Amino acid sequence: MIEIAVFLYGLLAGCTLLIAQRNQQSARPNPAMVQAVGWGLISMSSILSVLLFALALAAAMGASGPLIETVTAI
């Protein structure tokens, strides 16, 4: 399941960056949908990085639980 999510994230990020780059070269503004997807990807990435950092910090401090054991076993 995680493979599908990573694939879709990469596909969305690649298409968004490609469209934004073509619009920049053509000196055109980005459509509202491209900006919305870009902001969504940025916010999802930053929230996920904060959550994973907190999980890593908890694991480093010796916390235990099913989520920490599952993630650190990977």
PDB file of N, CA and C in Angstrom:
ATOM      1  N   MET A   1       0.821  -1.194   0.000  1.00  0.00           N
ATOM      2  CA  MET A   1       0.000   0.000   0.000  1.00  0.00           C
ATOM      3  C   MET A   1       0.865   1.258   0.000  1.00  0.00           C
ATOM      4  N   ILE A   2       1.966   1.205   0.740  1.00  0.00           N
ATOM      5  CA  ILE A   2       2.836   2.382   0.790  1.00  0.00           C
ATOM      6  C   ILE A   2       3.481   2.642  -0.569  1.00  0.00           C
ATOM      7  N   GLU A   3       3.697   1.590  -1.336  1.00  0.00           N
ATOM      8  CA  GLU A   3       4.298   1.759  -2.658  1.00  0.00           C
ATOM      9  C   GLU A   3       3.375   2.553  -3.572  1.00  0.00           C
ATOM     10  N   ILE A   4       2.086   2.318  -3.474  1.00  0.00           N
ATOM     11  CA  ILE A   4       1.124   3.041  -4.300  1.00  0.00           C
ATOM     12  C   ILE A   4       1.097   4.511  -3.902  1.00  0.00           C
ATOM     13  N   ALA A   5       1.133   4.790  -2.598  1.00  0.00           N
ATOM     14  CA  ALA A   5       1.116   6.173  -2.127  1.00  0.00           C
ATOM     15  C   ALA A   5       2.379   6.917  -2.573  1.00  0.00           C
ATOM     16  N   VAL A   6       3.527   6.259  -2.500  1.00  0.00           N
ATOM     17  CA  VAL A   6       4.783   6.893  -2.927  1.00  0.00           C
ATOM     18  C   VAL A   6       4.767   7.136  -4.434  1.00  0.00           C
ATOM     19  N   PHE A   7       4.237   6.187  -5.184  1.00  0.00           N
ATOM     20  CA  PHE A   7       4.148   6.352  -6.634  1.00  0.00           C
ATOM     21  C   PHE A   7       3.240   7.522  -6.998  1.00  0.00           C
ATOM     22  N   LEU A   8       2.073   7.606  -6.362  1.00  0.00           N
ATOM     23  CA  LEU A   8       1.149   8.701  -6.652  1.00  0.00           C
ATOM     24  C   LEU A   8       1.720  10.050  -6.235  1.00  0.00           C
ATOM     25  N   TYR A   9       2.424  10.093  -5.112  1.00  0.00           N
ATOM     26  CA  TYR A   9       3.066  11.333  -4.671  1.00  0.00           C
ATOM     27  C   TYR A   9       4.103  11.776  -5.701  1.00  0.00           C
ATOM     28  N   GLY A  10       4.933  10.859  -6.141  1.00  0.00           N
ATOM     29  CA  GLY A  10       5.951  11.190  -7.139  1.00  0.00           C
ATOM     30  C   GLY A  10       5.343  11.631  -8.459  1.00  0.00           C
ATOM     31  N   LEU A  11       4.270  10.973  -8.852  1.00  0.00           N
ATOM     32  CA  LEU A  11       3.596  11.340 -10.095  1.00  0.00           C
ATOM     33  C   LEU A  11       2.995  12.735  -9.992  1.00  0.00           C
ATOM     34  N   LEU A  12       2.330  13.033  -8.898  1.00  0.00           N
ATOM     35  CA  LEU A  12       1.760  14.368  -8.695  1.00  0.00           C
ATOM     36  C   LEU A  12       2.844  15.442  -8.627  1.00  0.00           C
ATOM     37  N   ALA A  13       3.906  15.155  -7.887  1.00  0.00           N
ATOM     38  CA  ALA A  13       4.984  16.130  -7.756  1.00  0.00           C
ATOM     39  C   ALA A  13       5.665  16.375  -9.106  1.00  0.00           C
ATOM     40  N   GLY A  14       5.917  15.330  -9.847  1.00  0.00           N
ATOM     41  CA  GLY A  14       6.563  15.479 -11.151  1.00  0.00           C
ATOM     42  C   GLY A  14       5.720  16.255 -12.138  1.00  0.00           C
ATOM     43  N   CYS A  15       4.441  15.935 -12.199  1.00  0.00           N
ATOM     44  CA  CYS A  15       3.549  16.654 -13.121  1.00  0.00           C
ATOM     45  C   CYS A  15       3.397  18.107 -12.714  1.00  0.00           C
ATOM     46  N   THR A  16       3.277  18.364 -11.426  1.00  0.00           N
ATOM     47  CA  THR A  16       3.131  19.738 -10.948  1.00  0.00           C
ATOM     48  C   THR A  16       4.377  20.558 -11.273  1.00  0.00           C
ATOM     49  N   LEU A  17       5.544  20.004 -11.031  1.00  0.00           N
ATOM     50  CA  LEU A  17       6.782  20.726 -11.331  1.00  0.00           C
ATOM     51  C   LEU A  17       6.967  20.932 -12.835  1.00  0.00           C
ATOM     52  N   LEU A  18       6.581  19.946 -13.634  1.00  0.00           N
ATOM     53  CA  LEU A  18       6.702  20.074 -15.088  1.00  0.00           C
ATOM     54  C   LEU A  18       5.796  21.178 -15.607  1.00  0.00           C
ATOM     55  N   ILE A  19       4.562  21.208 -15.146  1.00  0.00           N
ATOM     56  CA  ILE A  19       3.620  22.242 -15.586  1.00  0.00           C
ATOM     57  C   ILE A  19       4.086  23.621 -15.133  1.00  0.00           C
ATOM     58  N   ALA A  20       4.549  23.719 -13.881  1.00  0.00           N
ATOM     59  CA  ALA A  20       5.013  25.008 -13.372  1.00  0.00           C
ATOM     60  C   ALA A  20       6.236  25.500 -14.145  1.00  0.00           C
ATOM     61  N   GLN A  21       7.132  24.590 -14.512  1.00  0.00           N
ATOM     62  CA  GLN A  21       8.318  24.983 -15.265  1.00  0.00           C
ATOM     63  C   GLN A  21       7.946  25.459 -16.670  1.00  0.00           C
ATOM     64  N   ARG A  22       7.019  24.764 -17.318  1.00  0.00           N
ATOM     65  CA  ARG A  22       6.593  25.195 -18.653  1.00  0.00           C
ATOM     66  C   ARG A  22       5.891  26.543 -18.610  1.00  0.00           C
ATOM     67  N   ASN A  23       5.090  26.769 -17.584  1.00  0.00           N
ATOM     68  CA  ASN A  23       4.424  28.059 -17.450  1.00  0.00           C
ATOM     69  C   ASN A  23       5.424  29.175 -17.173  1.00  0.00           C
ATOM     70  N   GLN A  24       6.475  28.875 -16.409  1.00  0.00           N
ATOM     71  CA  GLN A  24       7.488  29.890 -16.126  1.00  0.00           C
ATOM     72  C   GLN A  24       8.266  30.243 -17.392  1.00  0.00           C
ATOM     73  N   GLN A  25       8.588  29.236 -18.197  1.00  0.00           N
ATOM     74  CA  GLN A  25       9.313  29.501 -19.440  1.00  0.00           C
ATOM     75  C   GLN A  25       8.460  30.290 -20.423  1.00  0.00           C
ATOM     76  N   SER A  26       7.160  30.065 -20.395  1.00  0.00           N
ATOM     77  CA  SER A  26       6.251  30.779 -21.290  1.00  0.00           C
ATOM     78  C   SER A  26       5.789  32.109 -20.712  1.00  0.00           C
ATOM     79  N   ALA A  27       6.230  32.444 -19.512  1.00  0.00           N
ATOM     80  CA  ALA A  27       5.850  33.676 -18.808  1.00  0.00           C
ATOM     81  C   ALA A  27       4.344  33.756 -18.616  1.00  0.00           C
ATOM     82  N   ARG A  28       3.742  32.619 -18.249  1.00  0.00           N
ATOM     83  CA  ARG A  28       2.307  32.569 -17.971  1.00  0.00           C
ATOM     84  C   ARG A  28       2.112  32.253 -16.500  1.00  0.00           C
ATOM     85  N   PRO A  29       1.029  32.708 -15.922  1.00  0.00           N
ATOM     86  CA  PRO A  29       0.750  32.345 -14.521  1.00  0.00           C
ATOM     87  C   PRO A  29       0.271  30.898 -14.425  1.00  0.00           C
ATOM     88  N   ASN A  30       0.494  30.292 -13.266  1.00  0.00           N
ATOM     89  CA  ASN A  30       0.032  28.925 -13.056  1.00  0.00           C
ATOM     90  C   ASN A  30      -1.475  28.918 -12.809  1.00  0.00           C
ATOM     91  N   PRO A  31      -2.161  27.890 -13.314  1.00  0.00           N
ATOM     92  CA  PRO A  31      -3.587  27.772 -13.004  1.00  0.00           C
ATOM     93  C   PRO A  31      -3.800  27.532 -11.508  1.00  0.00           C
ATOM     94  N   ALA A  32      -4.996  27.825 -11.051  1.00  0.00           N
ATOM     95  CA  ALA A  32      -5.305  27.684  -9.622  1.00  0.00           C
ATOM     96  C   ALA A  32      -5.165  26.229  -9.166  1.00  0.00           C
ATOM     97  N   MET A  33      -5.500  25.277 -10.015  1.00  0.00           N
ATOM     98  CA  MET A  33      -5.406  23.862  -9.631  1.00  0.00           C
ATOM     99  C   MET A  33      -3.951  23.446  -9.435  1.00  0.00           C
ATOM    100  N   VAL A  34      -3.056  23.926 -10.267  1.00  0.00           N
ATOM    101  CA  VAL A  34      -1.642  23.587 -10.130  1.00  0.00           C
ATOM    102  C   VAL A  34      -1.095  24.170  -8.830  1.00  0.00           C
ATOM    103  N   GLN A  35      -1.481  25.395  -8.526  1.00  0.00           N
ATOM    104  CA  GLN A  35      -1.034  25.995  -7.267  1.00  0.00           C
ATOM    105  C   GLN A  35      -1.604  25.249  -6.068  1.00  0.00           C
ATOM    106  N   ALA A  36      -2.853  24.831  -6.152  1.00  0.00           N
ATOM    107  CA  ALA A  36      -3.471  24.115  -5.036  1.00  0.00           C
ATOM    108  C   ALA A  36      -2.791  22.765  -4.800  1.00  0.00           C
ATOM    109  N   VAL A  37      -2.490  22.059  -5.873  1.00  0.00           N
ATOM    110  CA  VAL A  37      -1.802  20.768  -5.738  1.00  0.00           C
ATOM    111  C   VAL A  37      -0.397  20.983  -5.194  1.00  0.00           C
ATOM    112  N   GLY A  38       0.287  22.014  -5.654  1.00  0.00           N
ATOM    113  CA  GLY A  38       1.627  22.306  -5.155  1.00  0.00           C
ATOM    114  C   GLY A  38       1.627  22.620  -3.666  1.00  0.00           C
ATOM    115  N   TRP A  39       0.703  23.474  -3.233  1.00  0.00           N
ATOM    116  CA  TRP A  39       0.610  23.789  -1.804  1.00  0.00           C
ATOM    117  C   TRP A  39       0.209  22.570  -0.992  1.00  0.00           C
ATOM    118  N   GLY A  40      -0.650  21.737  -1.544  1.00  0.00           N
ATOM    119  CA  GLY A  40      -1.031  20.502  -0.846  1.00  0.00           C
ATOM    120  C   GLY A  40       0.147  19.560  -0.669  1.00  0.00           C
ATOM    121  N   LEU A  41       0.965  19.427  -1.704  1.00  0.00           N
ATOM    122  CA  LEU A  41       2.144  18.572  -1.607  1.00  0.00           C
ATOM    123  C   LEU A  41       3.153  19.120  -0.611  1.00  0.00           C
ATOM    124  N   ILE A  42       3.326  20.441  -0.599  1.00  0.00           N
ATOM    125  CA  ILE A  42       4.258  21.050   0.350  1.00  0.00           C
ATOM    126  C   ILE A  42       3.786  20.839   1.780  1.00  0.00           C
ATOM    127  N   SER A  43       2.499  21.069   2.020  1.00  0.00           N
ATOM    128  CA  SER A  43       1.987  20.918   3.385  1.00  0.00           C
ATOM    129  C   SER A  43       2.013  19.462   3.828  1.00  0.00           C
ATOM    130  N   MET A  44       1.689  18.537   2.923  1.00  0.00           N
ATOM    131  CA  MET A  44       1.727  17.118   3.276  1.00  0.00           C
ATOM    132  C   MET A  44       3.160  16.679   3.595  1.00  0.00           C
ATOM    133  N   SER A  45       4.117  17.156   2.822  1.00  0.00           N
ATOM    134  CA  SER A  45       5.509  16.789   3.060  1.00  0.00           C
ATOM    135  C   SER A  45       6.020  17.339   4.385  1.00  0.00           C
ATOM    136  N   SER A  46       5.674  18.580   4.682  1.00  0.00           N
ATOM    137  CA  SER A  46       6.164  19.168   5.930  1.00  0.00           C
ATOM    138  C   SER A  46       5.519  18.528   7.150  1.00  0.00           C
ATOM    139  N   ILE A  47       4.237  18.239   7.095  1.00  0.00           N
ATOM    140  CA  ILE A  47       3.565  17.573   8.221  1.00  0.00           C
ATOM    141  C   ILE A  47       4.128  16.173   8.426  1.00  0.00           C
ATOM    142  N   LEU A  48       4.338  15.451   7.338  1.00  0.00           N
ATOM    143  CA  LEU A  48       4.888  14.102   7.448  1.00  0.00           C
ATOM    144  C   LEU A  48       6.308  14.126   8.014  1.00  0.00           C
ATOM    145  N   SER A  49       7.105  15.115   7.638  1.00  0.00           N
ATOM    146  CA  SER A  49       8.471  15.187   8.168  1.00  0.00           C
ATOM    147  C   SER A  49       8.462  15.492   9.663  1.00  0.00           C
ATOM    148  N   VAL A  50       7.563  16.353  10.117  1.00  0.00           N
ATOM    149  CA  VAL A  50       7.469  16.656  11.548  1.00  0.00           C
ATOM    150  C   VAL A  50       7.011  15.427  12.328  1.00  0.00           C
ATOM    151  N   LEU A  51       6.030  14.709  11.801  1.00  0.00           N
ATOM    152  CA  LEU A  51       5.551  13.509  12.483  1.00  0.00           C
ATOM    153  C   LEU A  51       6.611  12.417  12.556  1.00  0.00           C
ATOM    154  N   LEU A  52       7.333  12.216  11.463  1.00  0.00           N
ATOM    155  CA  LEU A  52       8.386  11.199  11.474  1.00  0.00           C
ATOM    156  C   LEU A  52       9.547  11.597  12.377  1.00  0.00           C
ATOM    157  N   PHE A  53       9.857  12.898  12.453  1.00  0.00           N
ATOM    158  CA  PHE A  53      10.894  13.362  13.369  1.00  0.00           C
ATOM    159  C   PHE A  53      10.473  13.105  14.811  1.00  0.00           C
ATOM    160  N   ALA A  54       9.218  13.384  15.134  1.00  0.00           N
ATOM    161  CA  ALA A  54       8.731  13.134  16.490  1.00  0.00           C
ATOM    162  C   ALA A  54       8.762  11.645  16.816  1.00  0.00           C
ATOM    163  N   LEU A  55       8.425  10.814  15.849  1.00  0.00           N
ATOM    164  CA  LEU A  55       8.471   9.367  16.052  1.00  0.00           C
ATOM    165  C   LEU A  55       9.906   8.890  16.263  1.00  0.00           C
ATOM    166  N   ALA A  56      10.845   9.427  15.483  1.00  0.00           N
ATOM    167  CA  ALA A  56      12.250   9.050  15.641  1.00  0.00           C
ATOM    168  C   ALA A  56      12.796   9.523  16.985  1.00  0.00           C
ATOM    169  N   LEU A  57      12.399  10.708  17.410  1.00  0.00           N
ATOM    170  CA  LEU A  57      12.835  11.231  18.698  1.00  0.00           C
ATOM    171  C   LEU A  57      12.288  10.381  19.837  1.00  0.00           C
ATOM    172  N   ALA A  58      11.037   9.978  19.733  1.00  0.00           N
ATOM    173  CA  ALA A  58      10.449   9.129  20.770  1.00  0.00           C
ATOM    174  C   ALA A  58      11.147   7.771  20.825  1.00  0.00           C
ATOM    175  N   ALA A  59      11.474   7.224  19.658  1.00  0.00           N
ATOM    176  CA  ALA A  59      12.172   5.940  19.630  1.00  0.00           C
ATOM    177  C   ALA A  59      13.583   6.075  20.197  1.00  0.00           C
ATOM    178  N   ALA A  60      14.233   7.197  19.925  1.00  0.00           N
ATOM    179  CA  ALA A  60      15.585   7.405  20.437  1.00  0.00           C
ATOM    180  C   ALA A  60      15.590   7.598  21.949  1.00  0.00           C
ATOM    181  N   MET A  61      14.505   8.115  22.487  1.00  0.00           N
ATOM    182  CA  MET A  61      14.414   8.333  23.927  1.00  0.00           C
ATOM    183  C   MET A  61      13.943   7.088  24.673  1.00  0.00           C
ATOM    184  N   GLY A  62      13.675   6.023  23.947  1.00  0.00           N
ATOM    185  CA  GLY A  62      13.338   4.757  24.579  1.00  0.00           C
ATOM    186  C   GLY A  62      11.855   4.485  24.743  1.00  0.00           C
ATOM    187  N   ALA A  63      11.014   5.240  24.085  1.00  0.00           N
ATOM    188  CA  ALA A  63       9.576   4.985  24.169  1.00  0.00           C
ATOM    189  C   ALA A  63       9.255   3.684  23.441  1.00  0.00           C
ATOM    190  N   SER A  64       8.205   3.043  23.884  1.00  0.00           N
ATOM    191  CA  SER A  64       7.801   1.808  23.223  1.00  0.00           C
ATOM    192  C   SER A  64       6.316   1.878  22.925  1.00  0.00           C
ATOM    193  N   GLY A  65       5.927   1.138  21.946  1.00  0.00           N
ATOM    194  CA  GLY A  65       4.537   1.095  21.526  1.00  0.00           C
ATOM    195  C   GLY A  65       4.445   0.385  20.198  1.00  0.00           C
ATOM    196  N   PRO A  66       3.261  -0.006  19.802  1.00  0.00           N
ATOM    197  CA  PRO A  66       3.129  -0.767  18.560  1.00  0.00           C
ATOM    198  C   PRO A  66       3.532   0.036  17.319  1.00  0.00           C
ATOM    199  N   LEU A  67       3.241   1.332  17.299  1.00  0.00           N
ATOM    200  CA  LEU A  67       3.607   2.141  16.139  1.00  0.00           C
ATOM    201  C   LEU A  67       5.113   2.308  16.031  1.00  0.00           C
ATOM    202  N   ILE A  68       5.762   2.586  17.147  1.00  0.00           N
ATOM    203  CA  ILE A  68       7.213   2.780  17.132  1.00  0.00           C
ATOM    204  C   ILE A  68       7.913   1.487  16.753  1.00  0.00           C
ATOM    205  N   GLU A  69       7.453   0.371  17.291  1.00  0.00           N
ATOM    206  CA  GLU A  69       8.086  -0.919  16.969  1.00  0.00           C
ATOM    207  C   GLU A  69       7.862  -1.292  15.513  1.00  0.00           C
ATOM    208  N   THR A  70       6.717  -0.955  14.965  1.00  0.00           N
ATOM    209  CA  THR A  70       6.437  -1.262  13.566  1.00  0.00           C
ATOM    210  C   THR A  70       7.321  -0.438  12.637  1.00  0.00           C
ATOM    211  N   VAL A  71       7.440   0.852  12.923  1.00  0.00           N
ATOM    212  CA  VAL A  71       8.221   1.731  12.041  1.00  0.00           C
ATOM    213  C   VAL A  71       9.707   1.453  12.156  1.00  0.00           C
ATOM    214  N   THR A  72      10.206   1.203  13.375  1.00  0.00           N
ATOM    215  CA  THR A  72      11.638   0.960  13.519  1.00  0.00           C
ATOM    216  C   THR A  72      12.043  -0.425  13.015  1.00  0.00           C
ATOM    217  N   ALA A  73      11.090  -1.331  12.843  1.00  0.00           N
ATOM    218  CA  ALA A  73      11.398  -2.672  12.319  1.00  0.00           C
ATOM    219  C   ALA A  73      11.602  -2.637  10.807  1.00  0.00           C
ATOM    220  N   ILE A  74      11.184  -1.578  10.154  1.00  0.00           N
ATOM    221  CA  ILE A  74      11.302  -1.496   8.693  1.00  0.00           C
ATOM    222  C   ILE A  74      12.681  -1.235   8.320  1.00  0.00           C
TER     223      ILE A  74
END
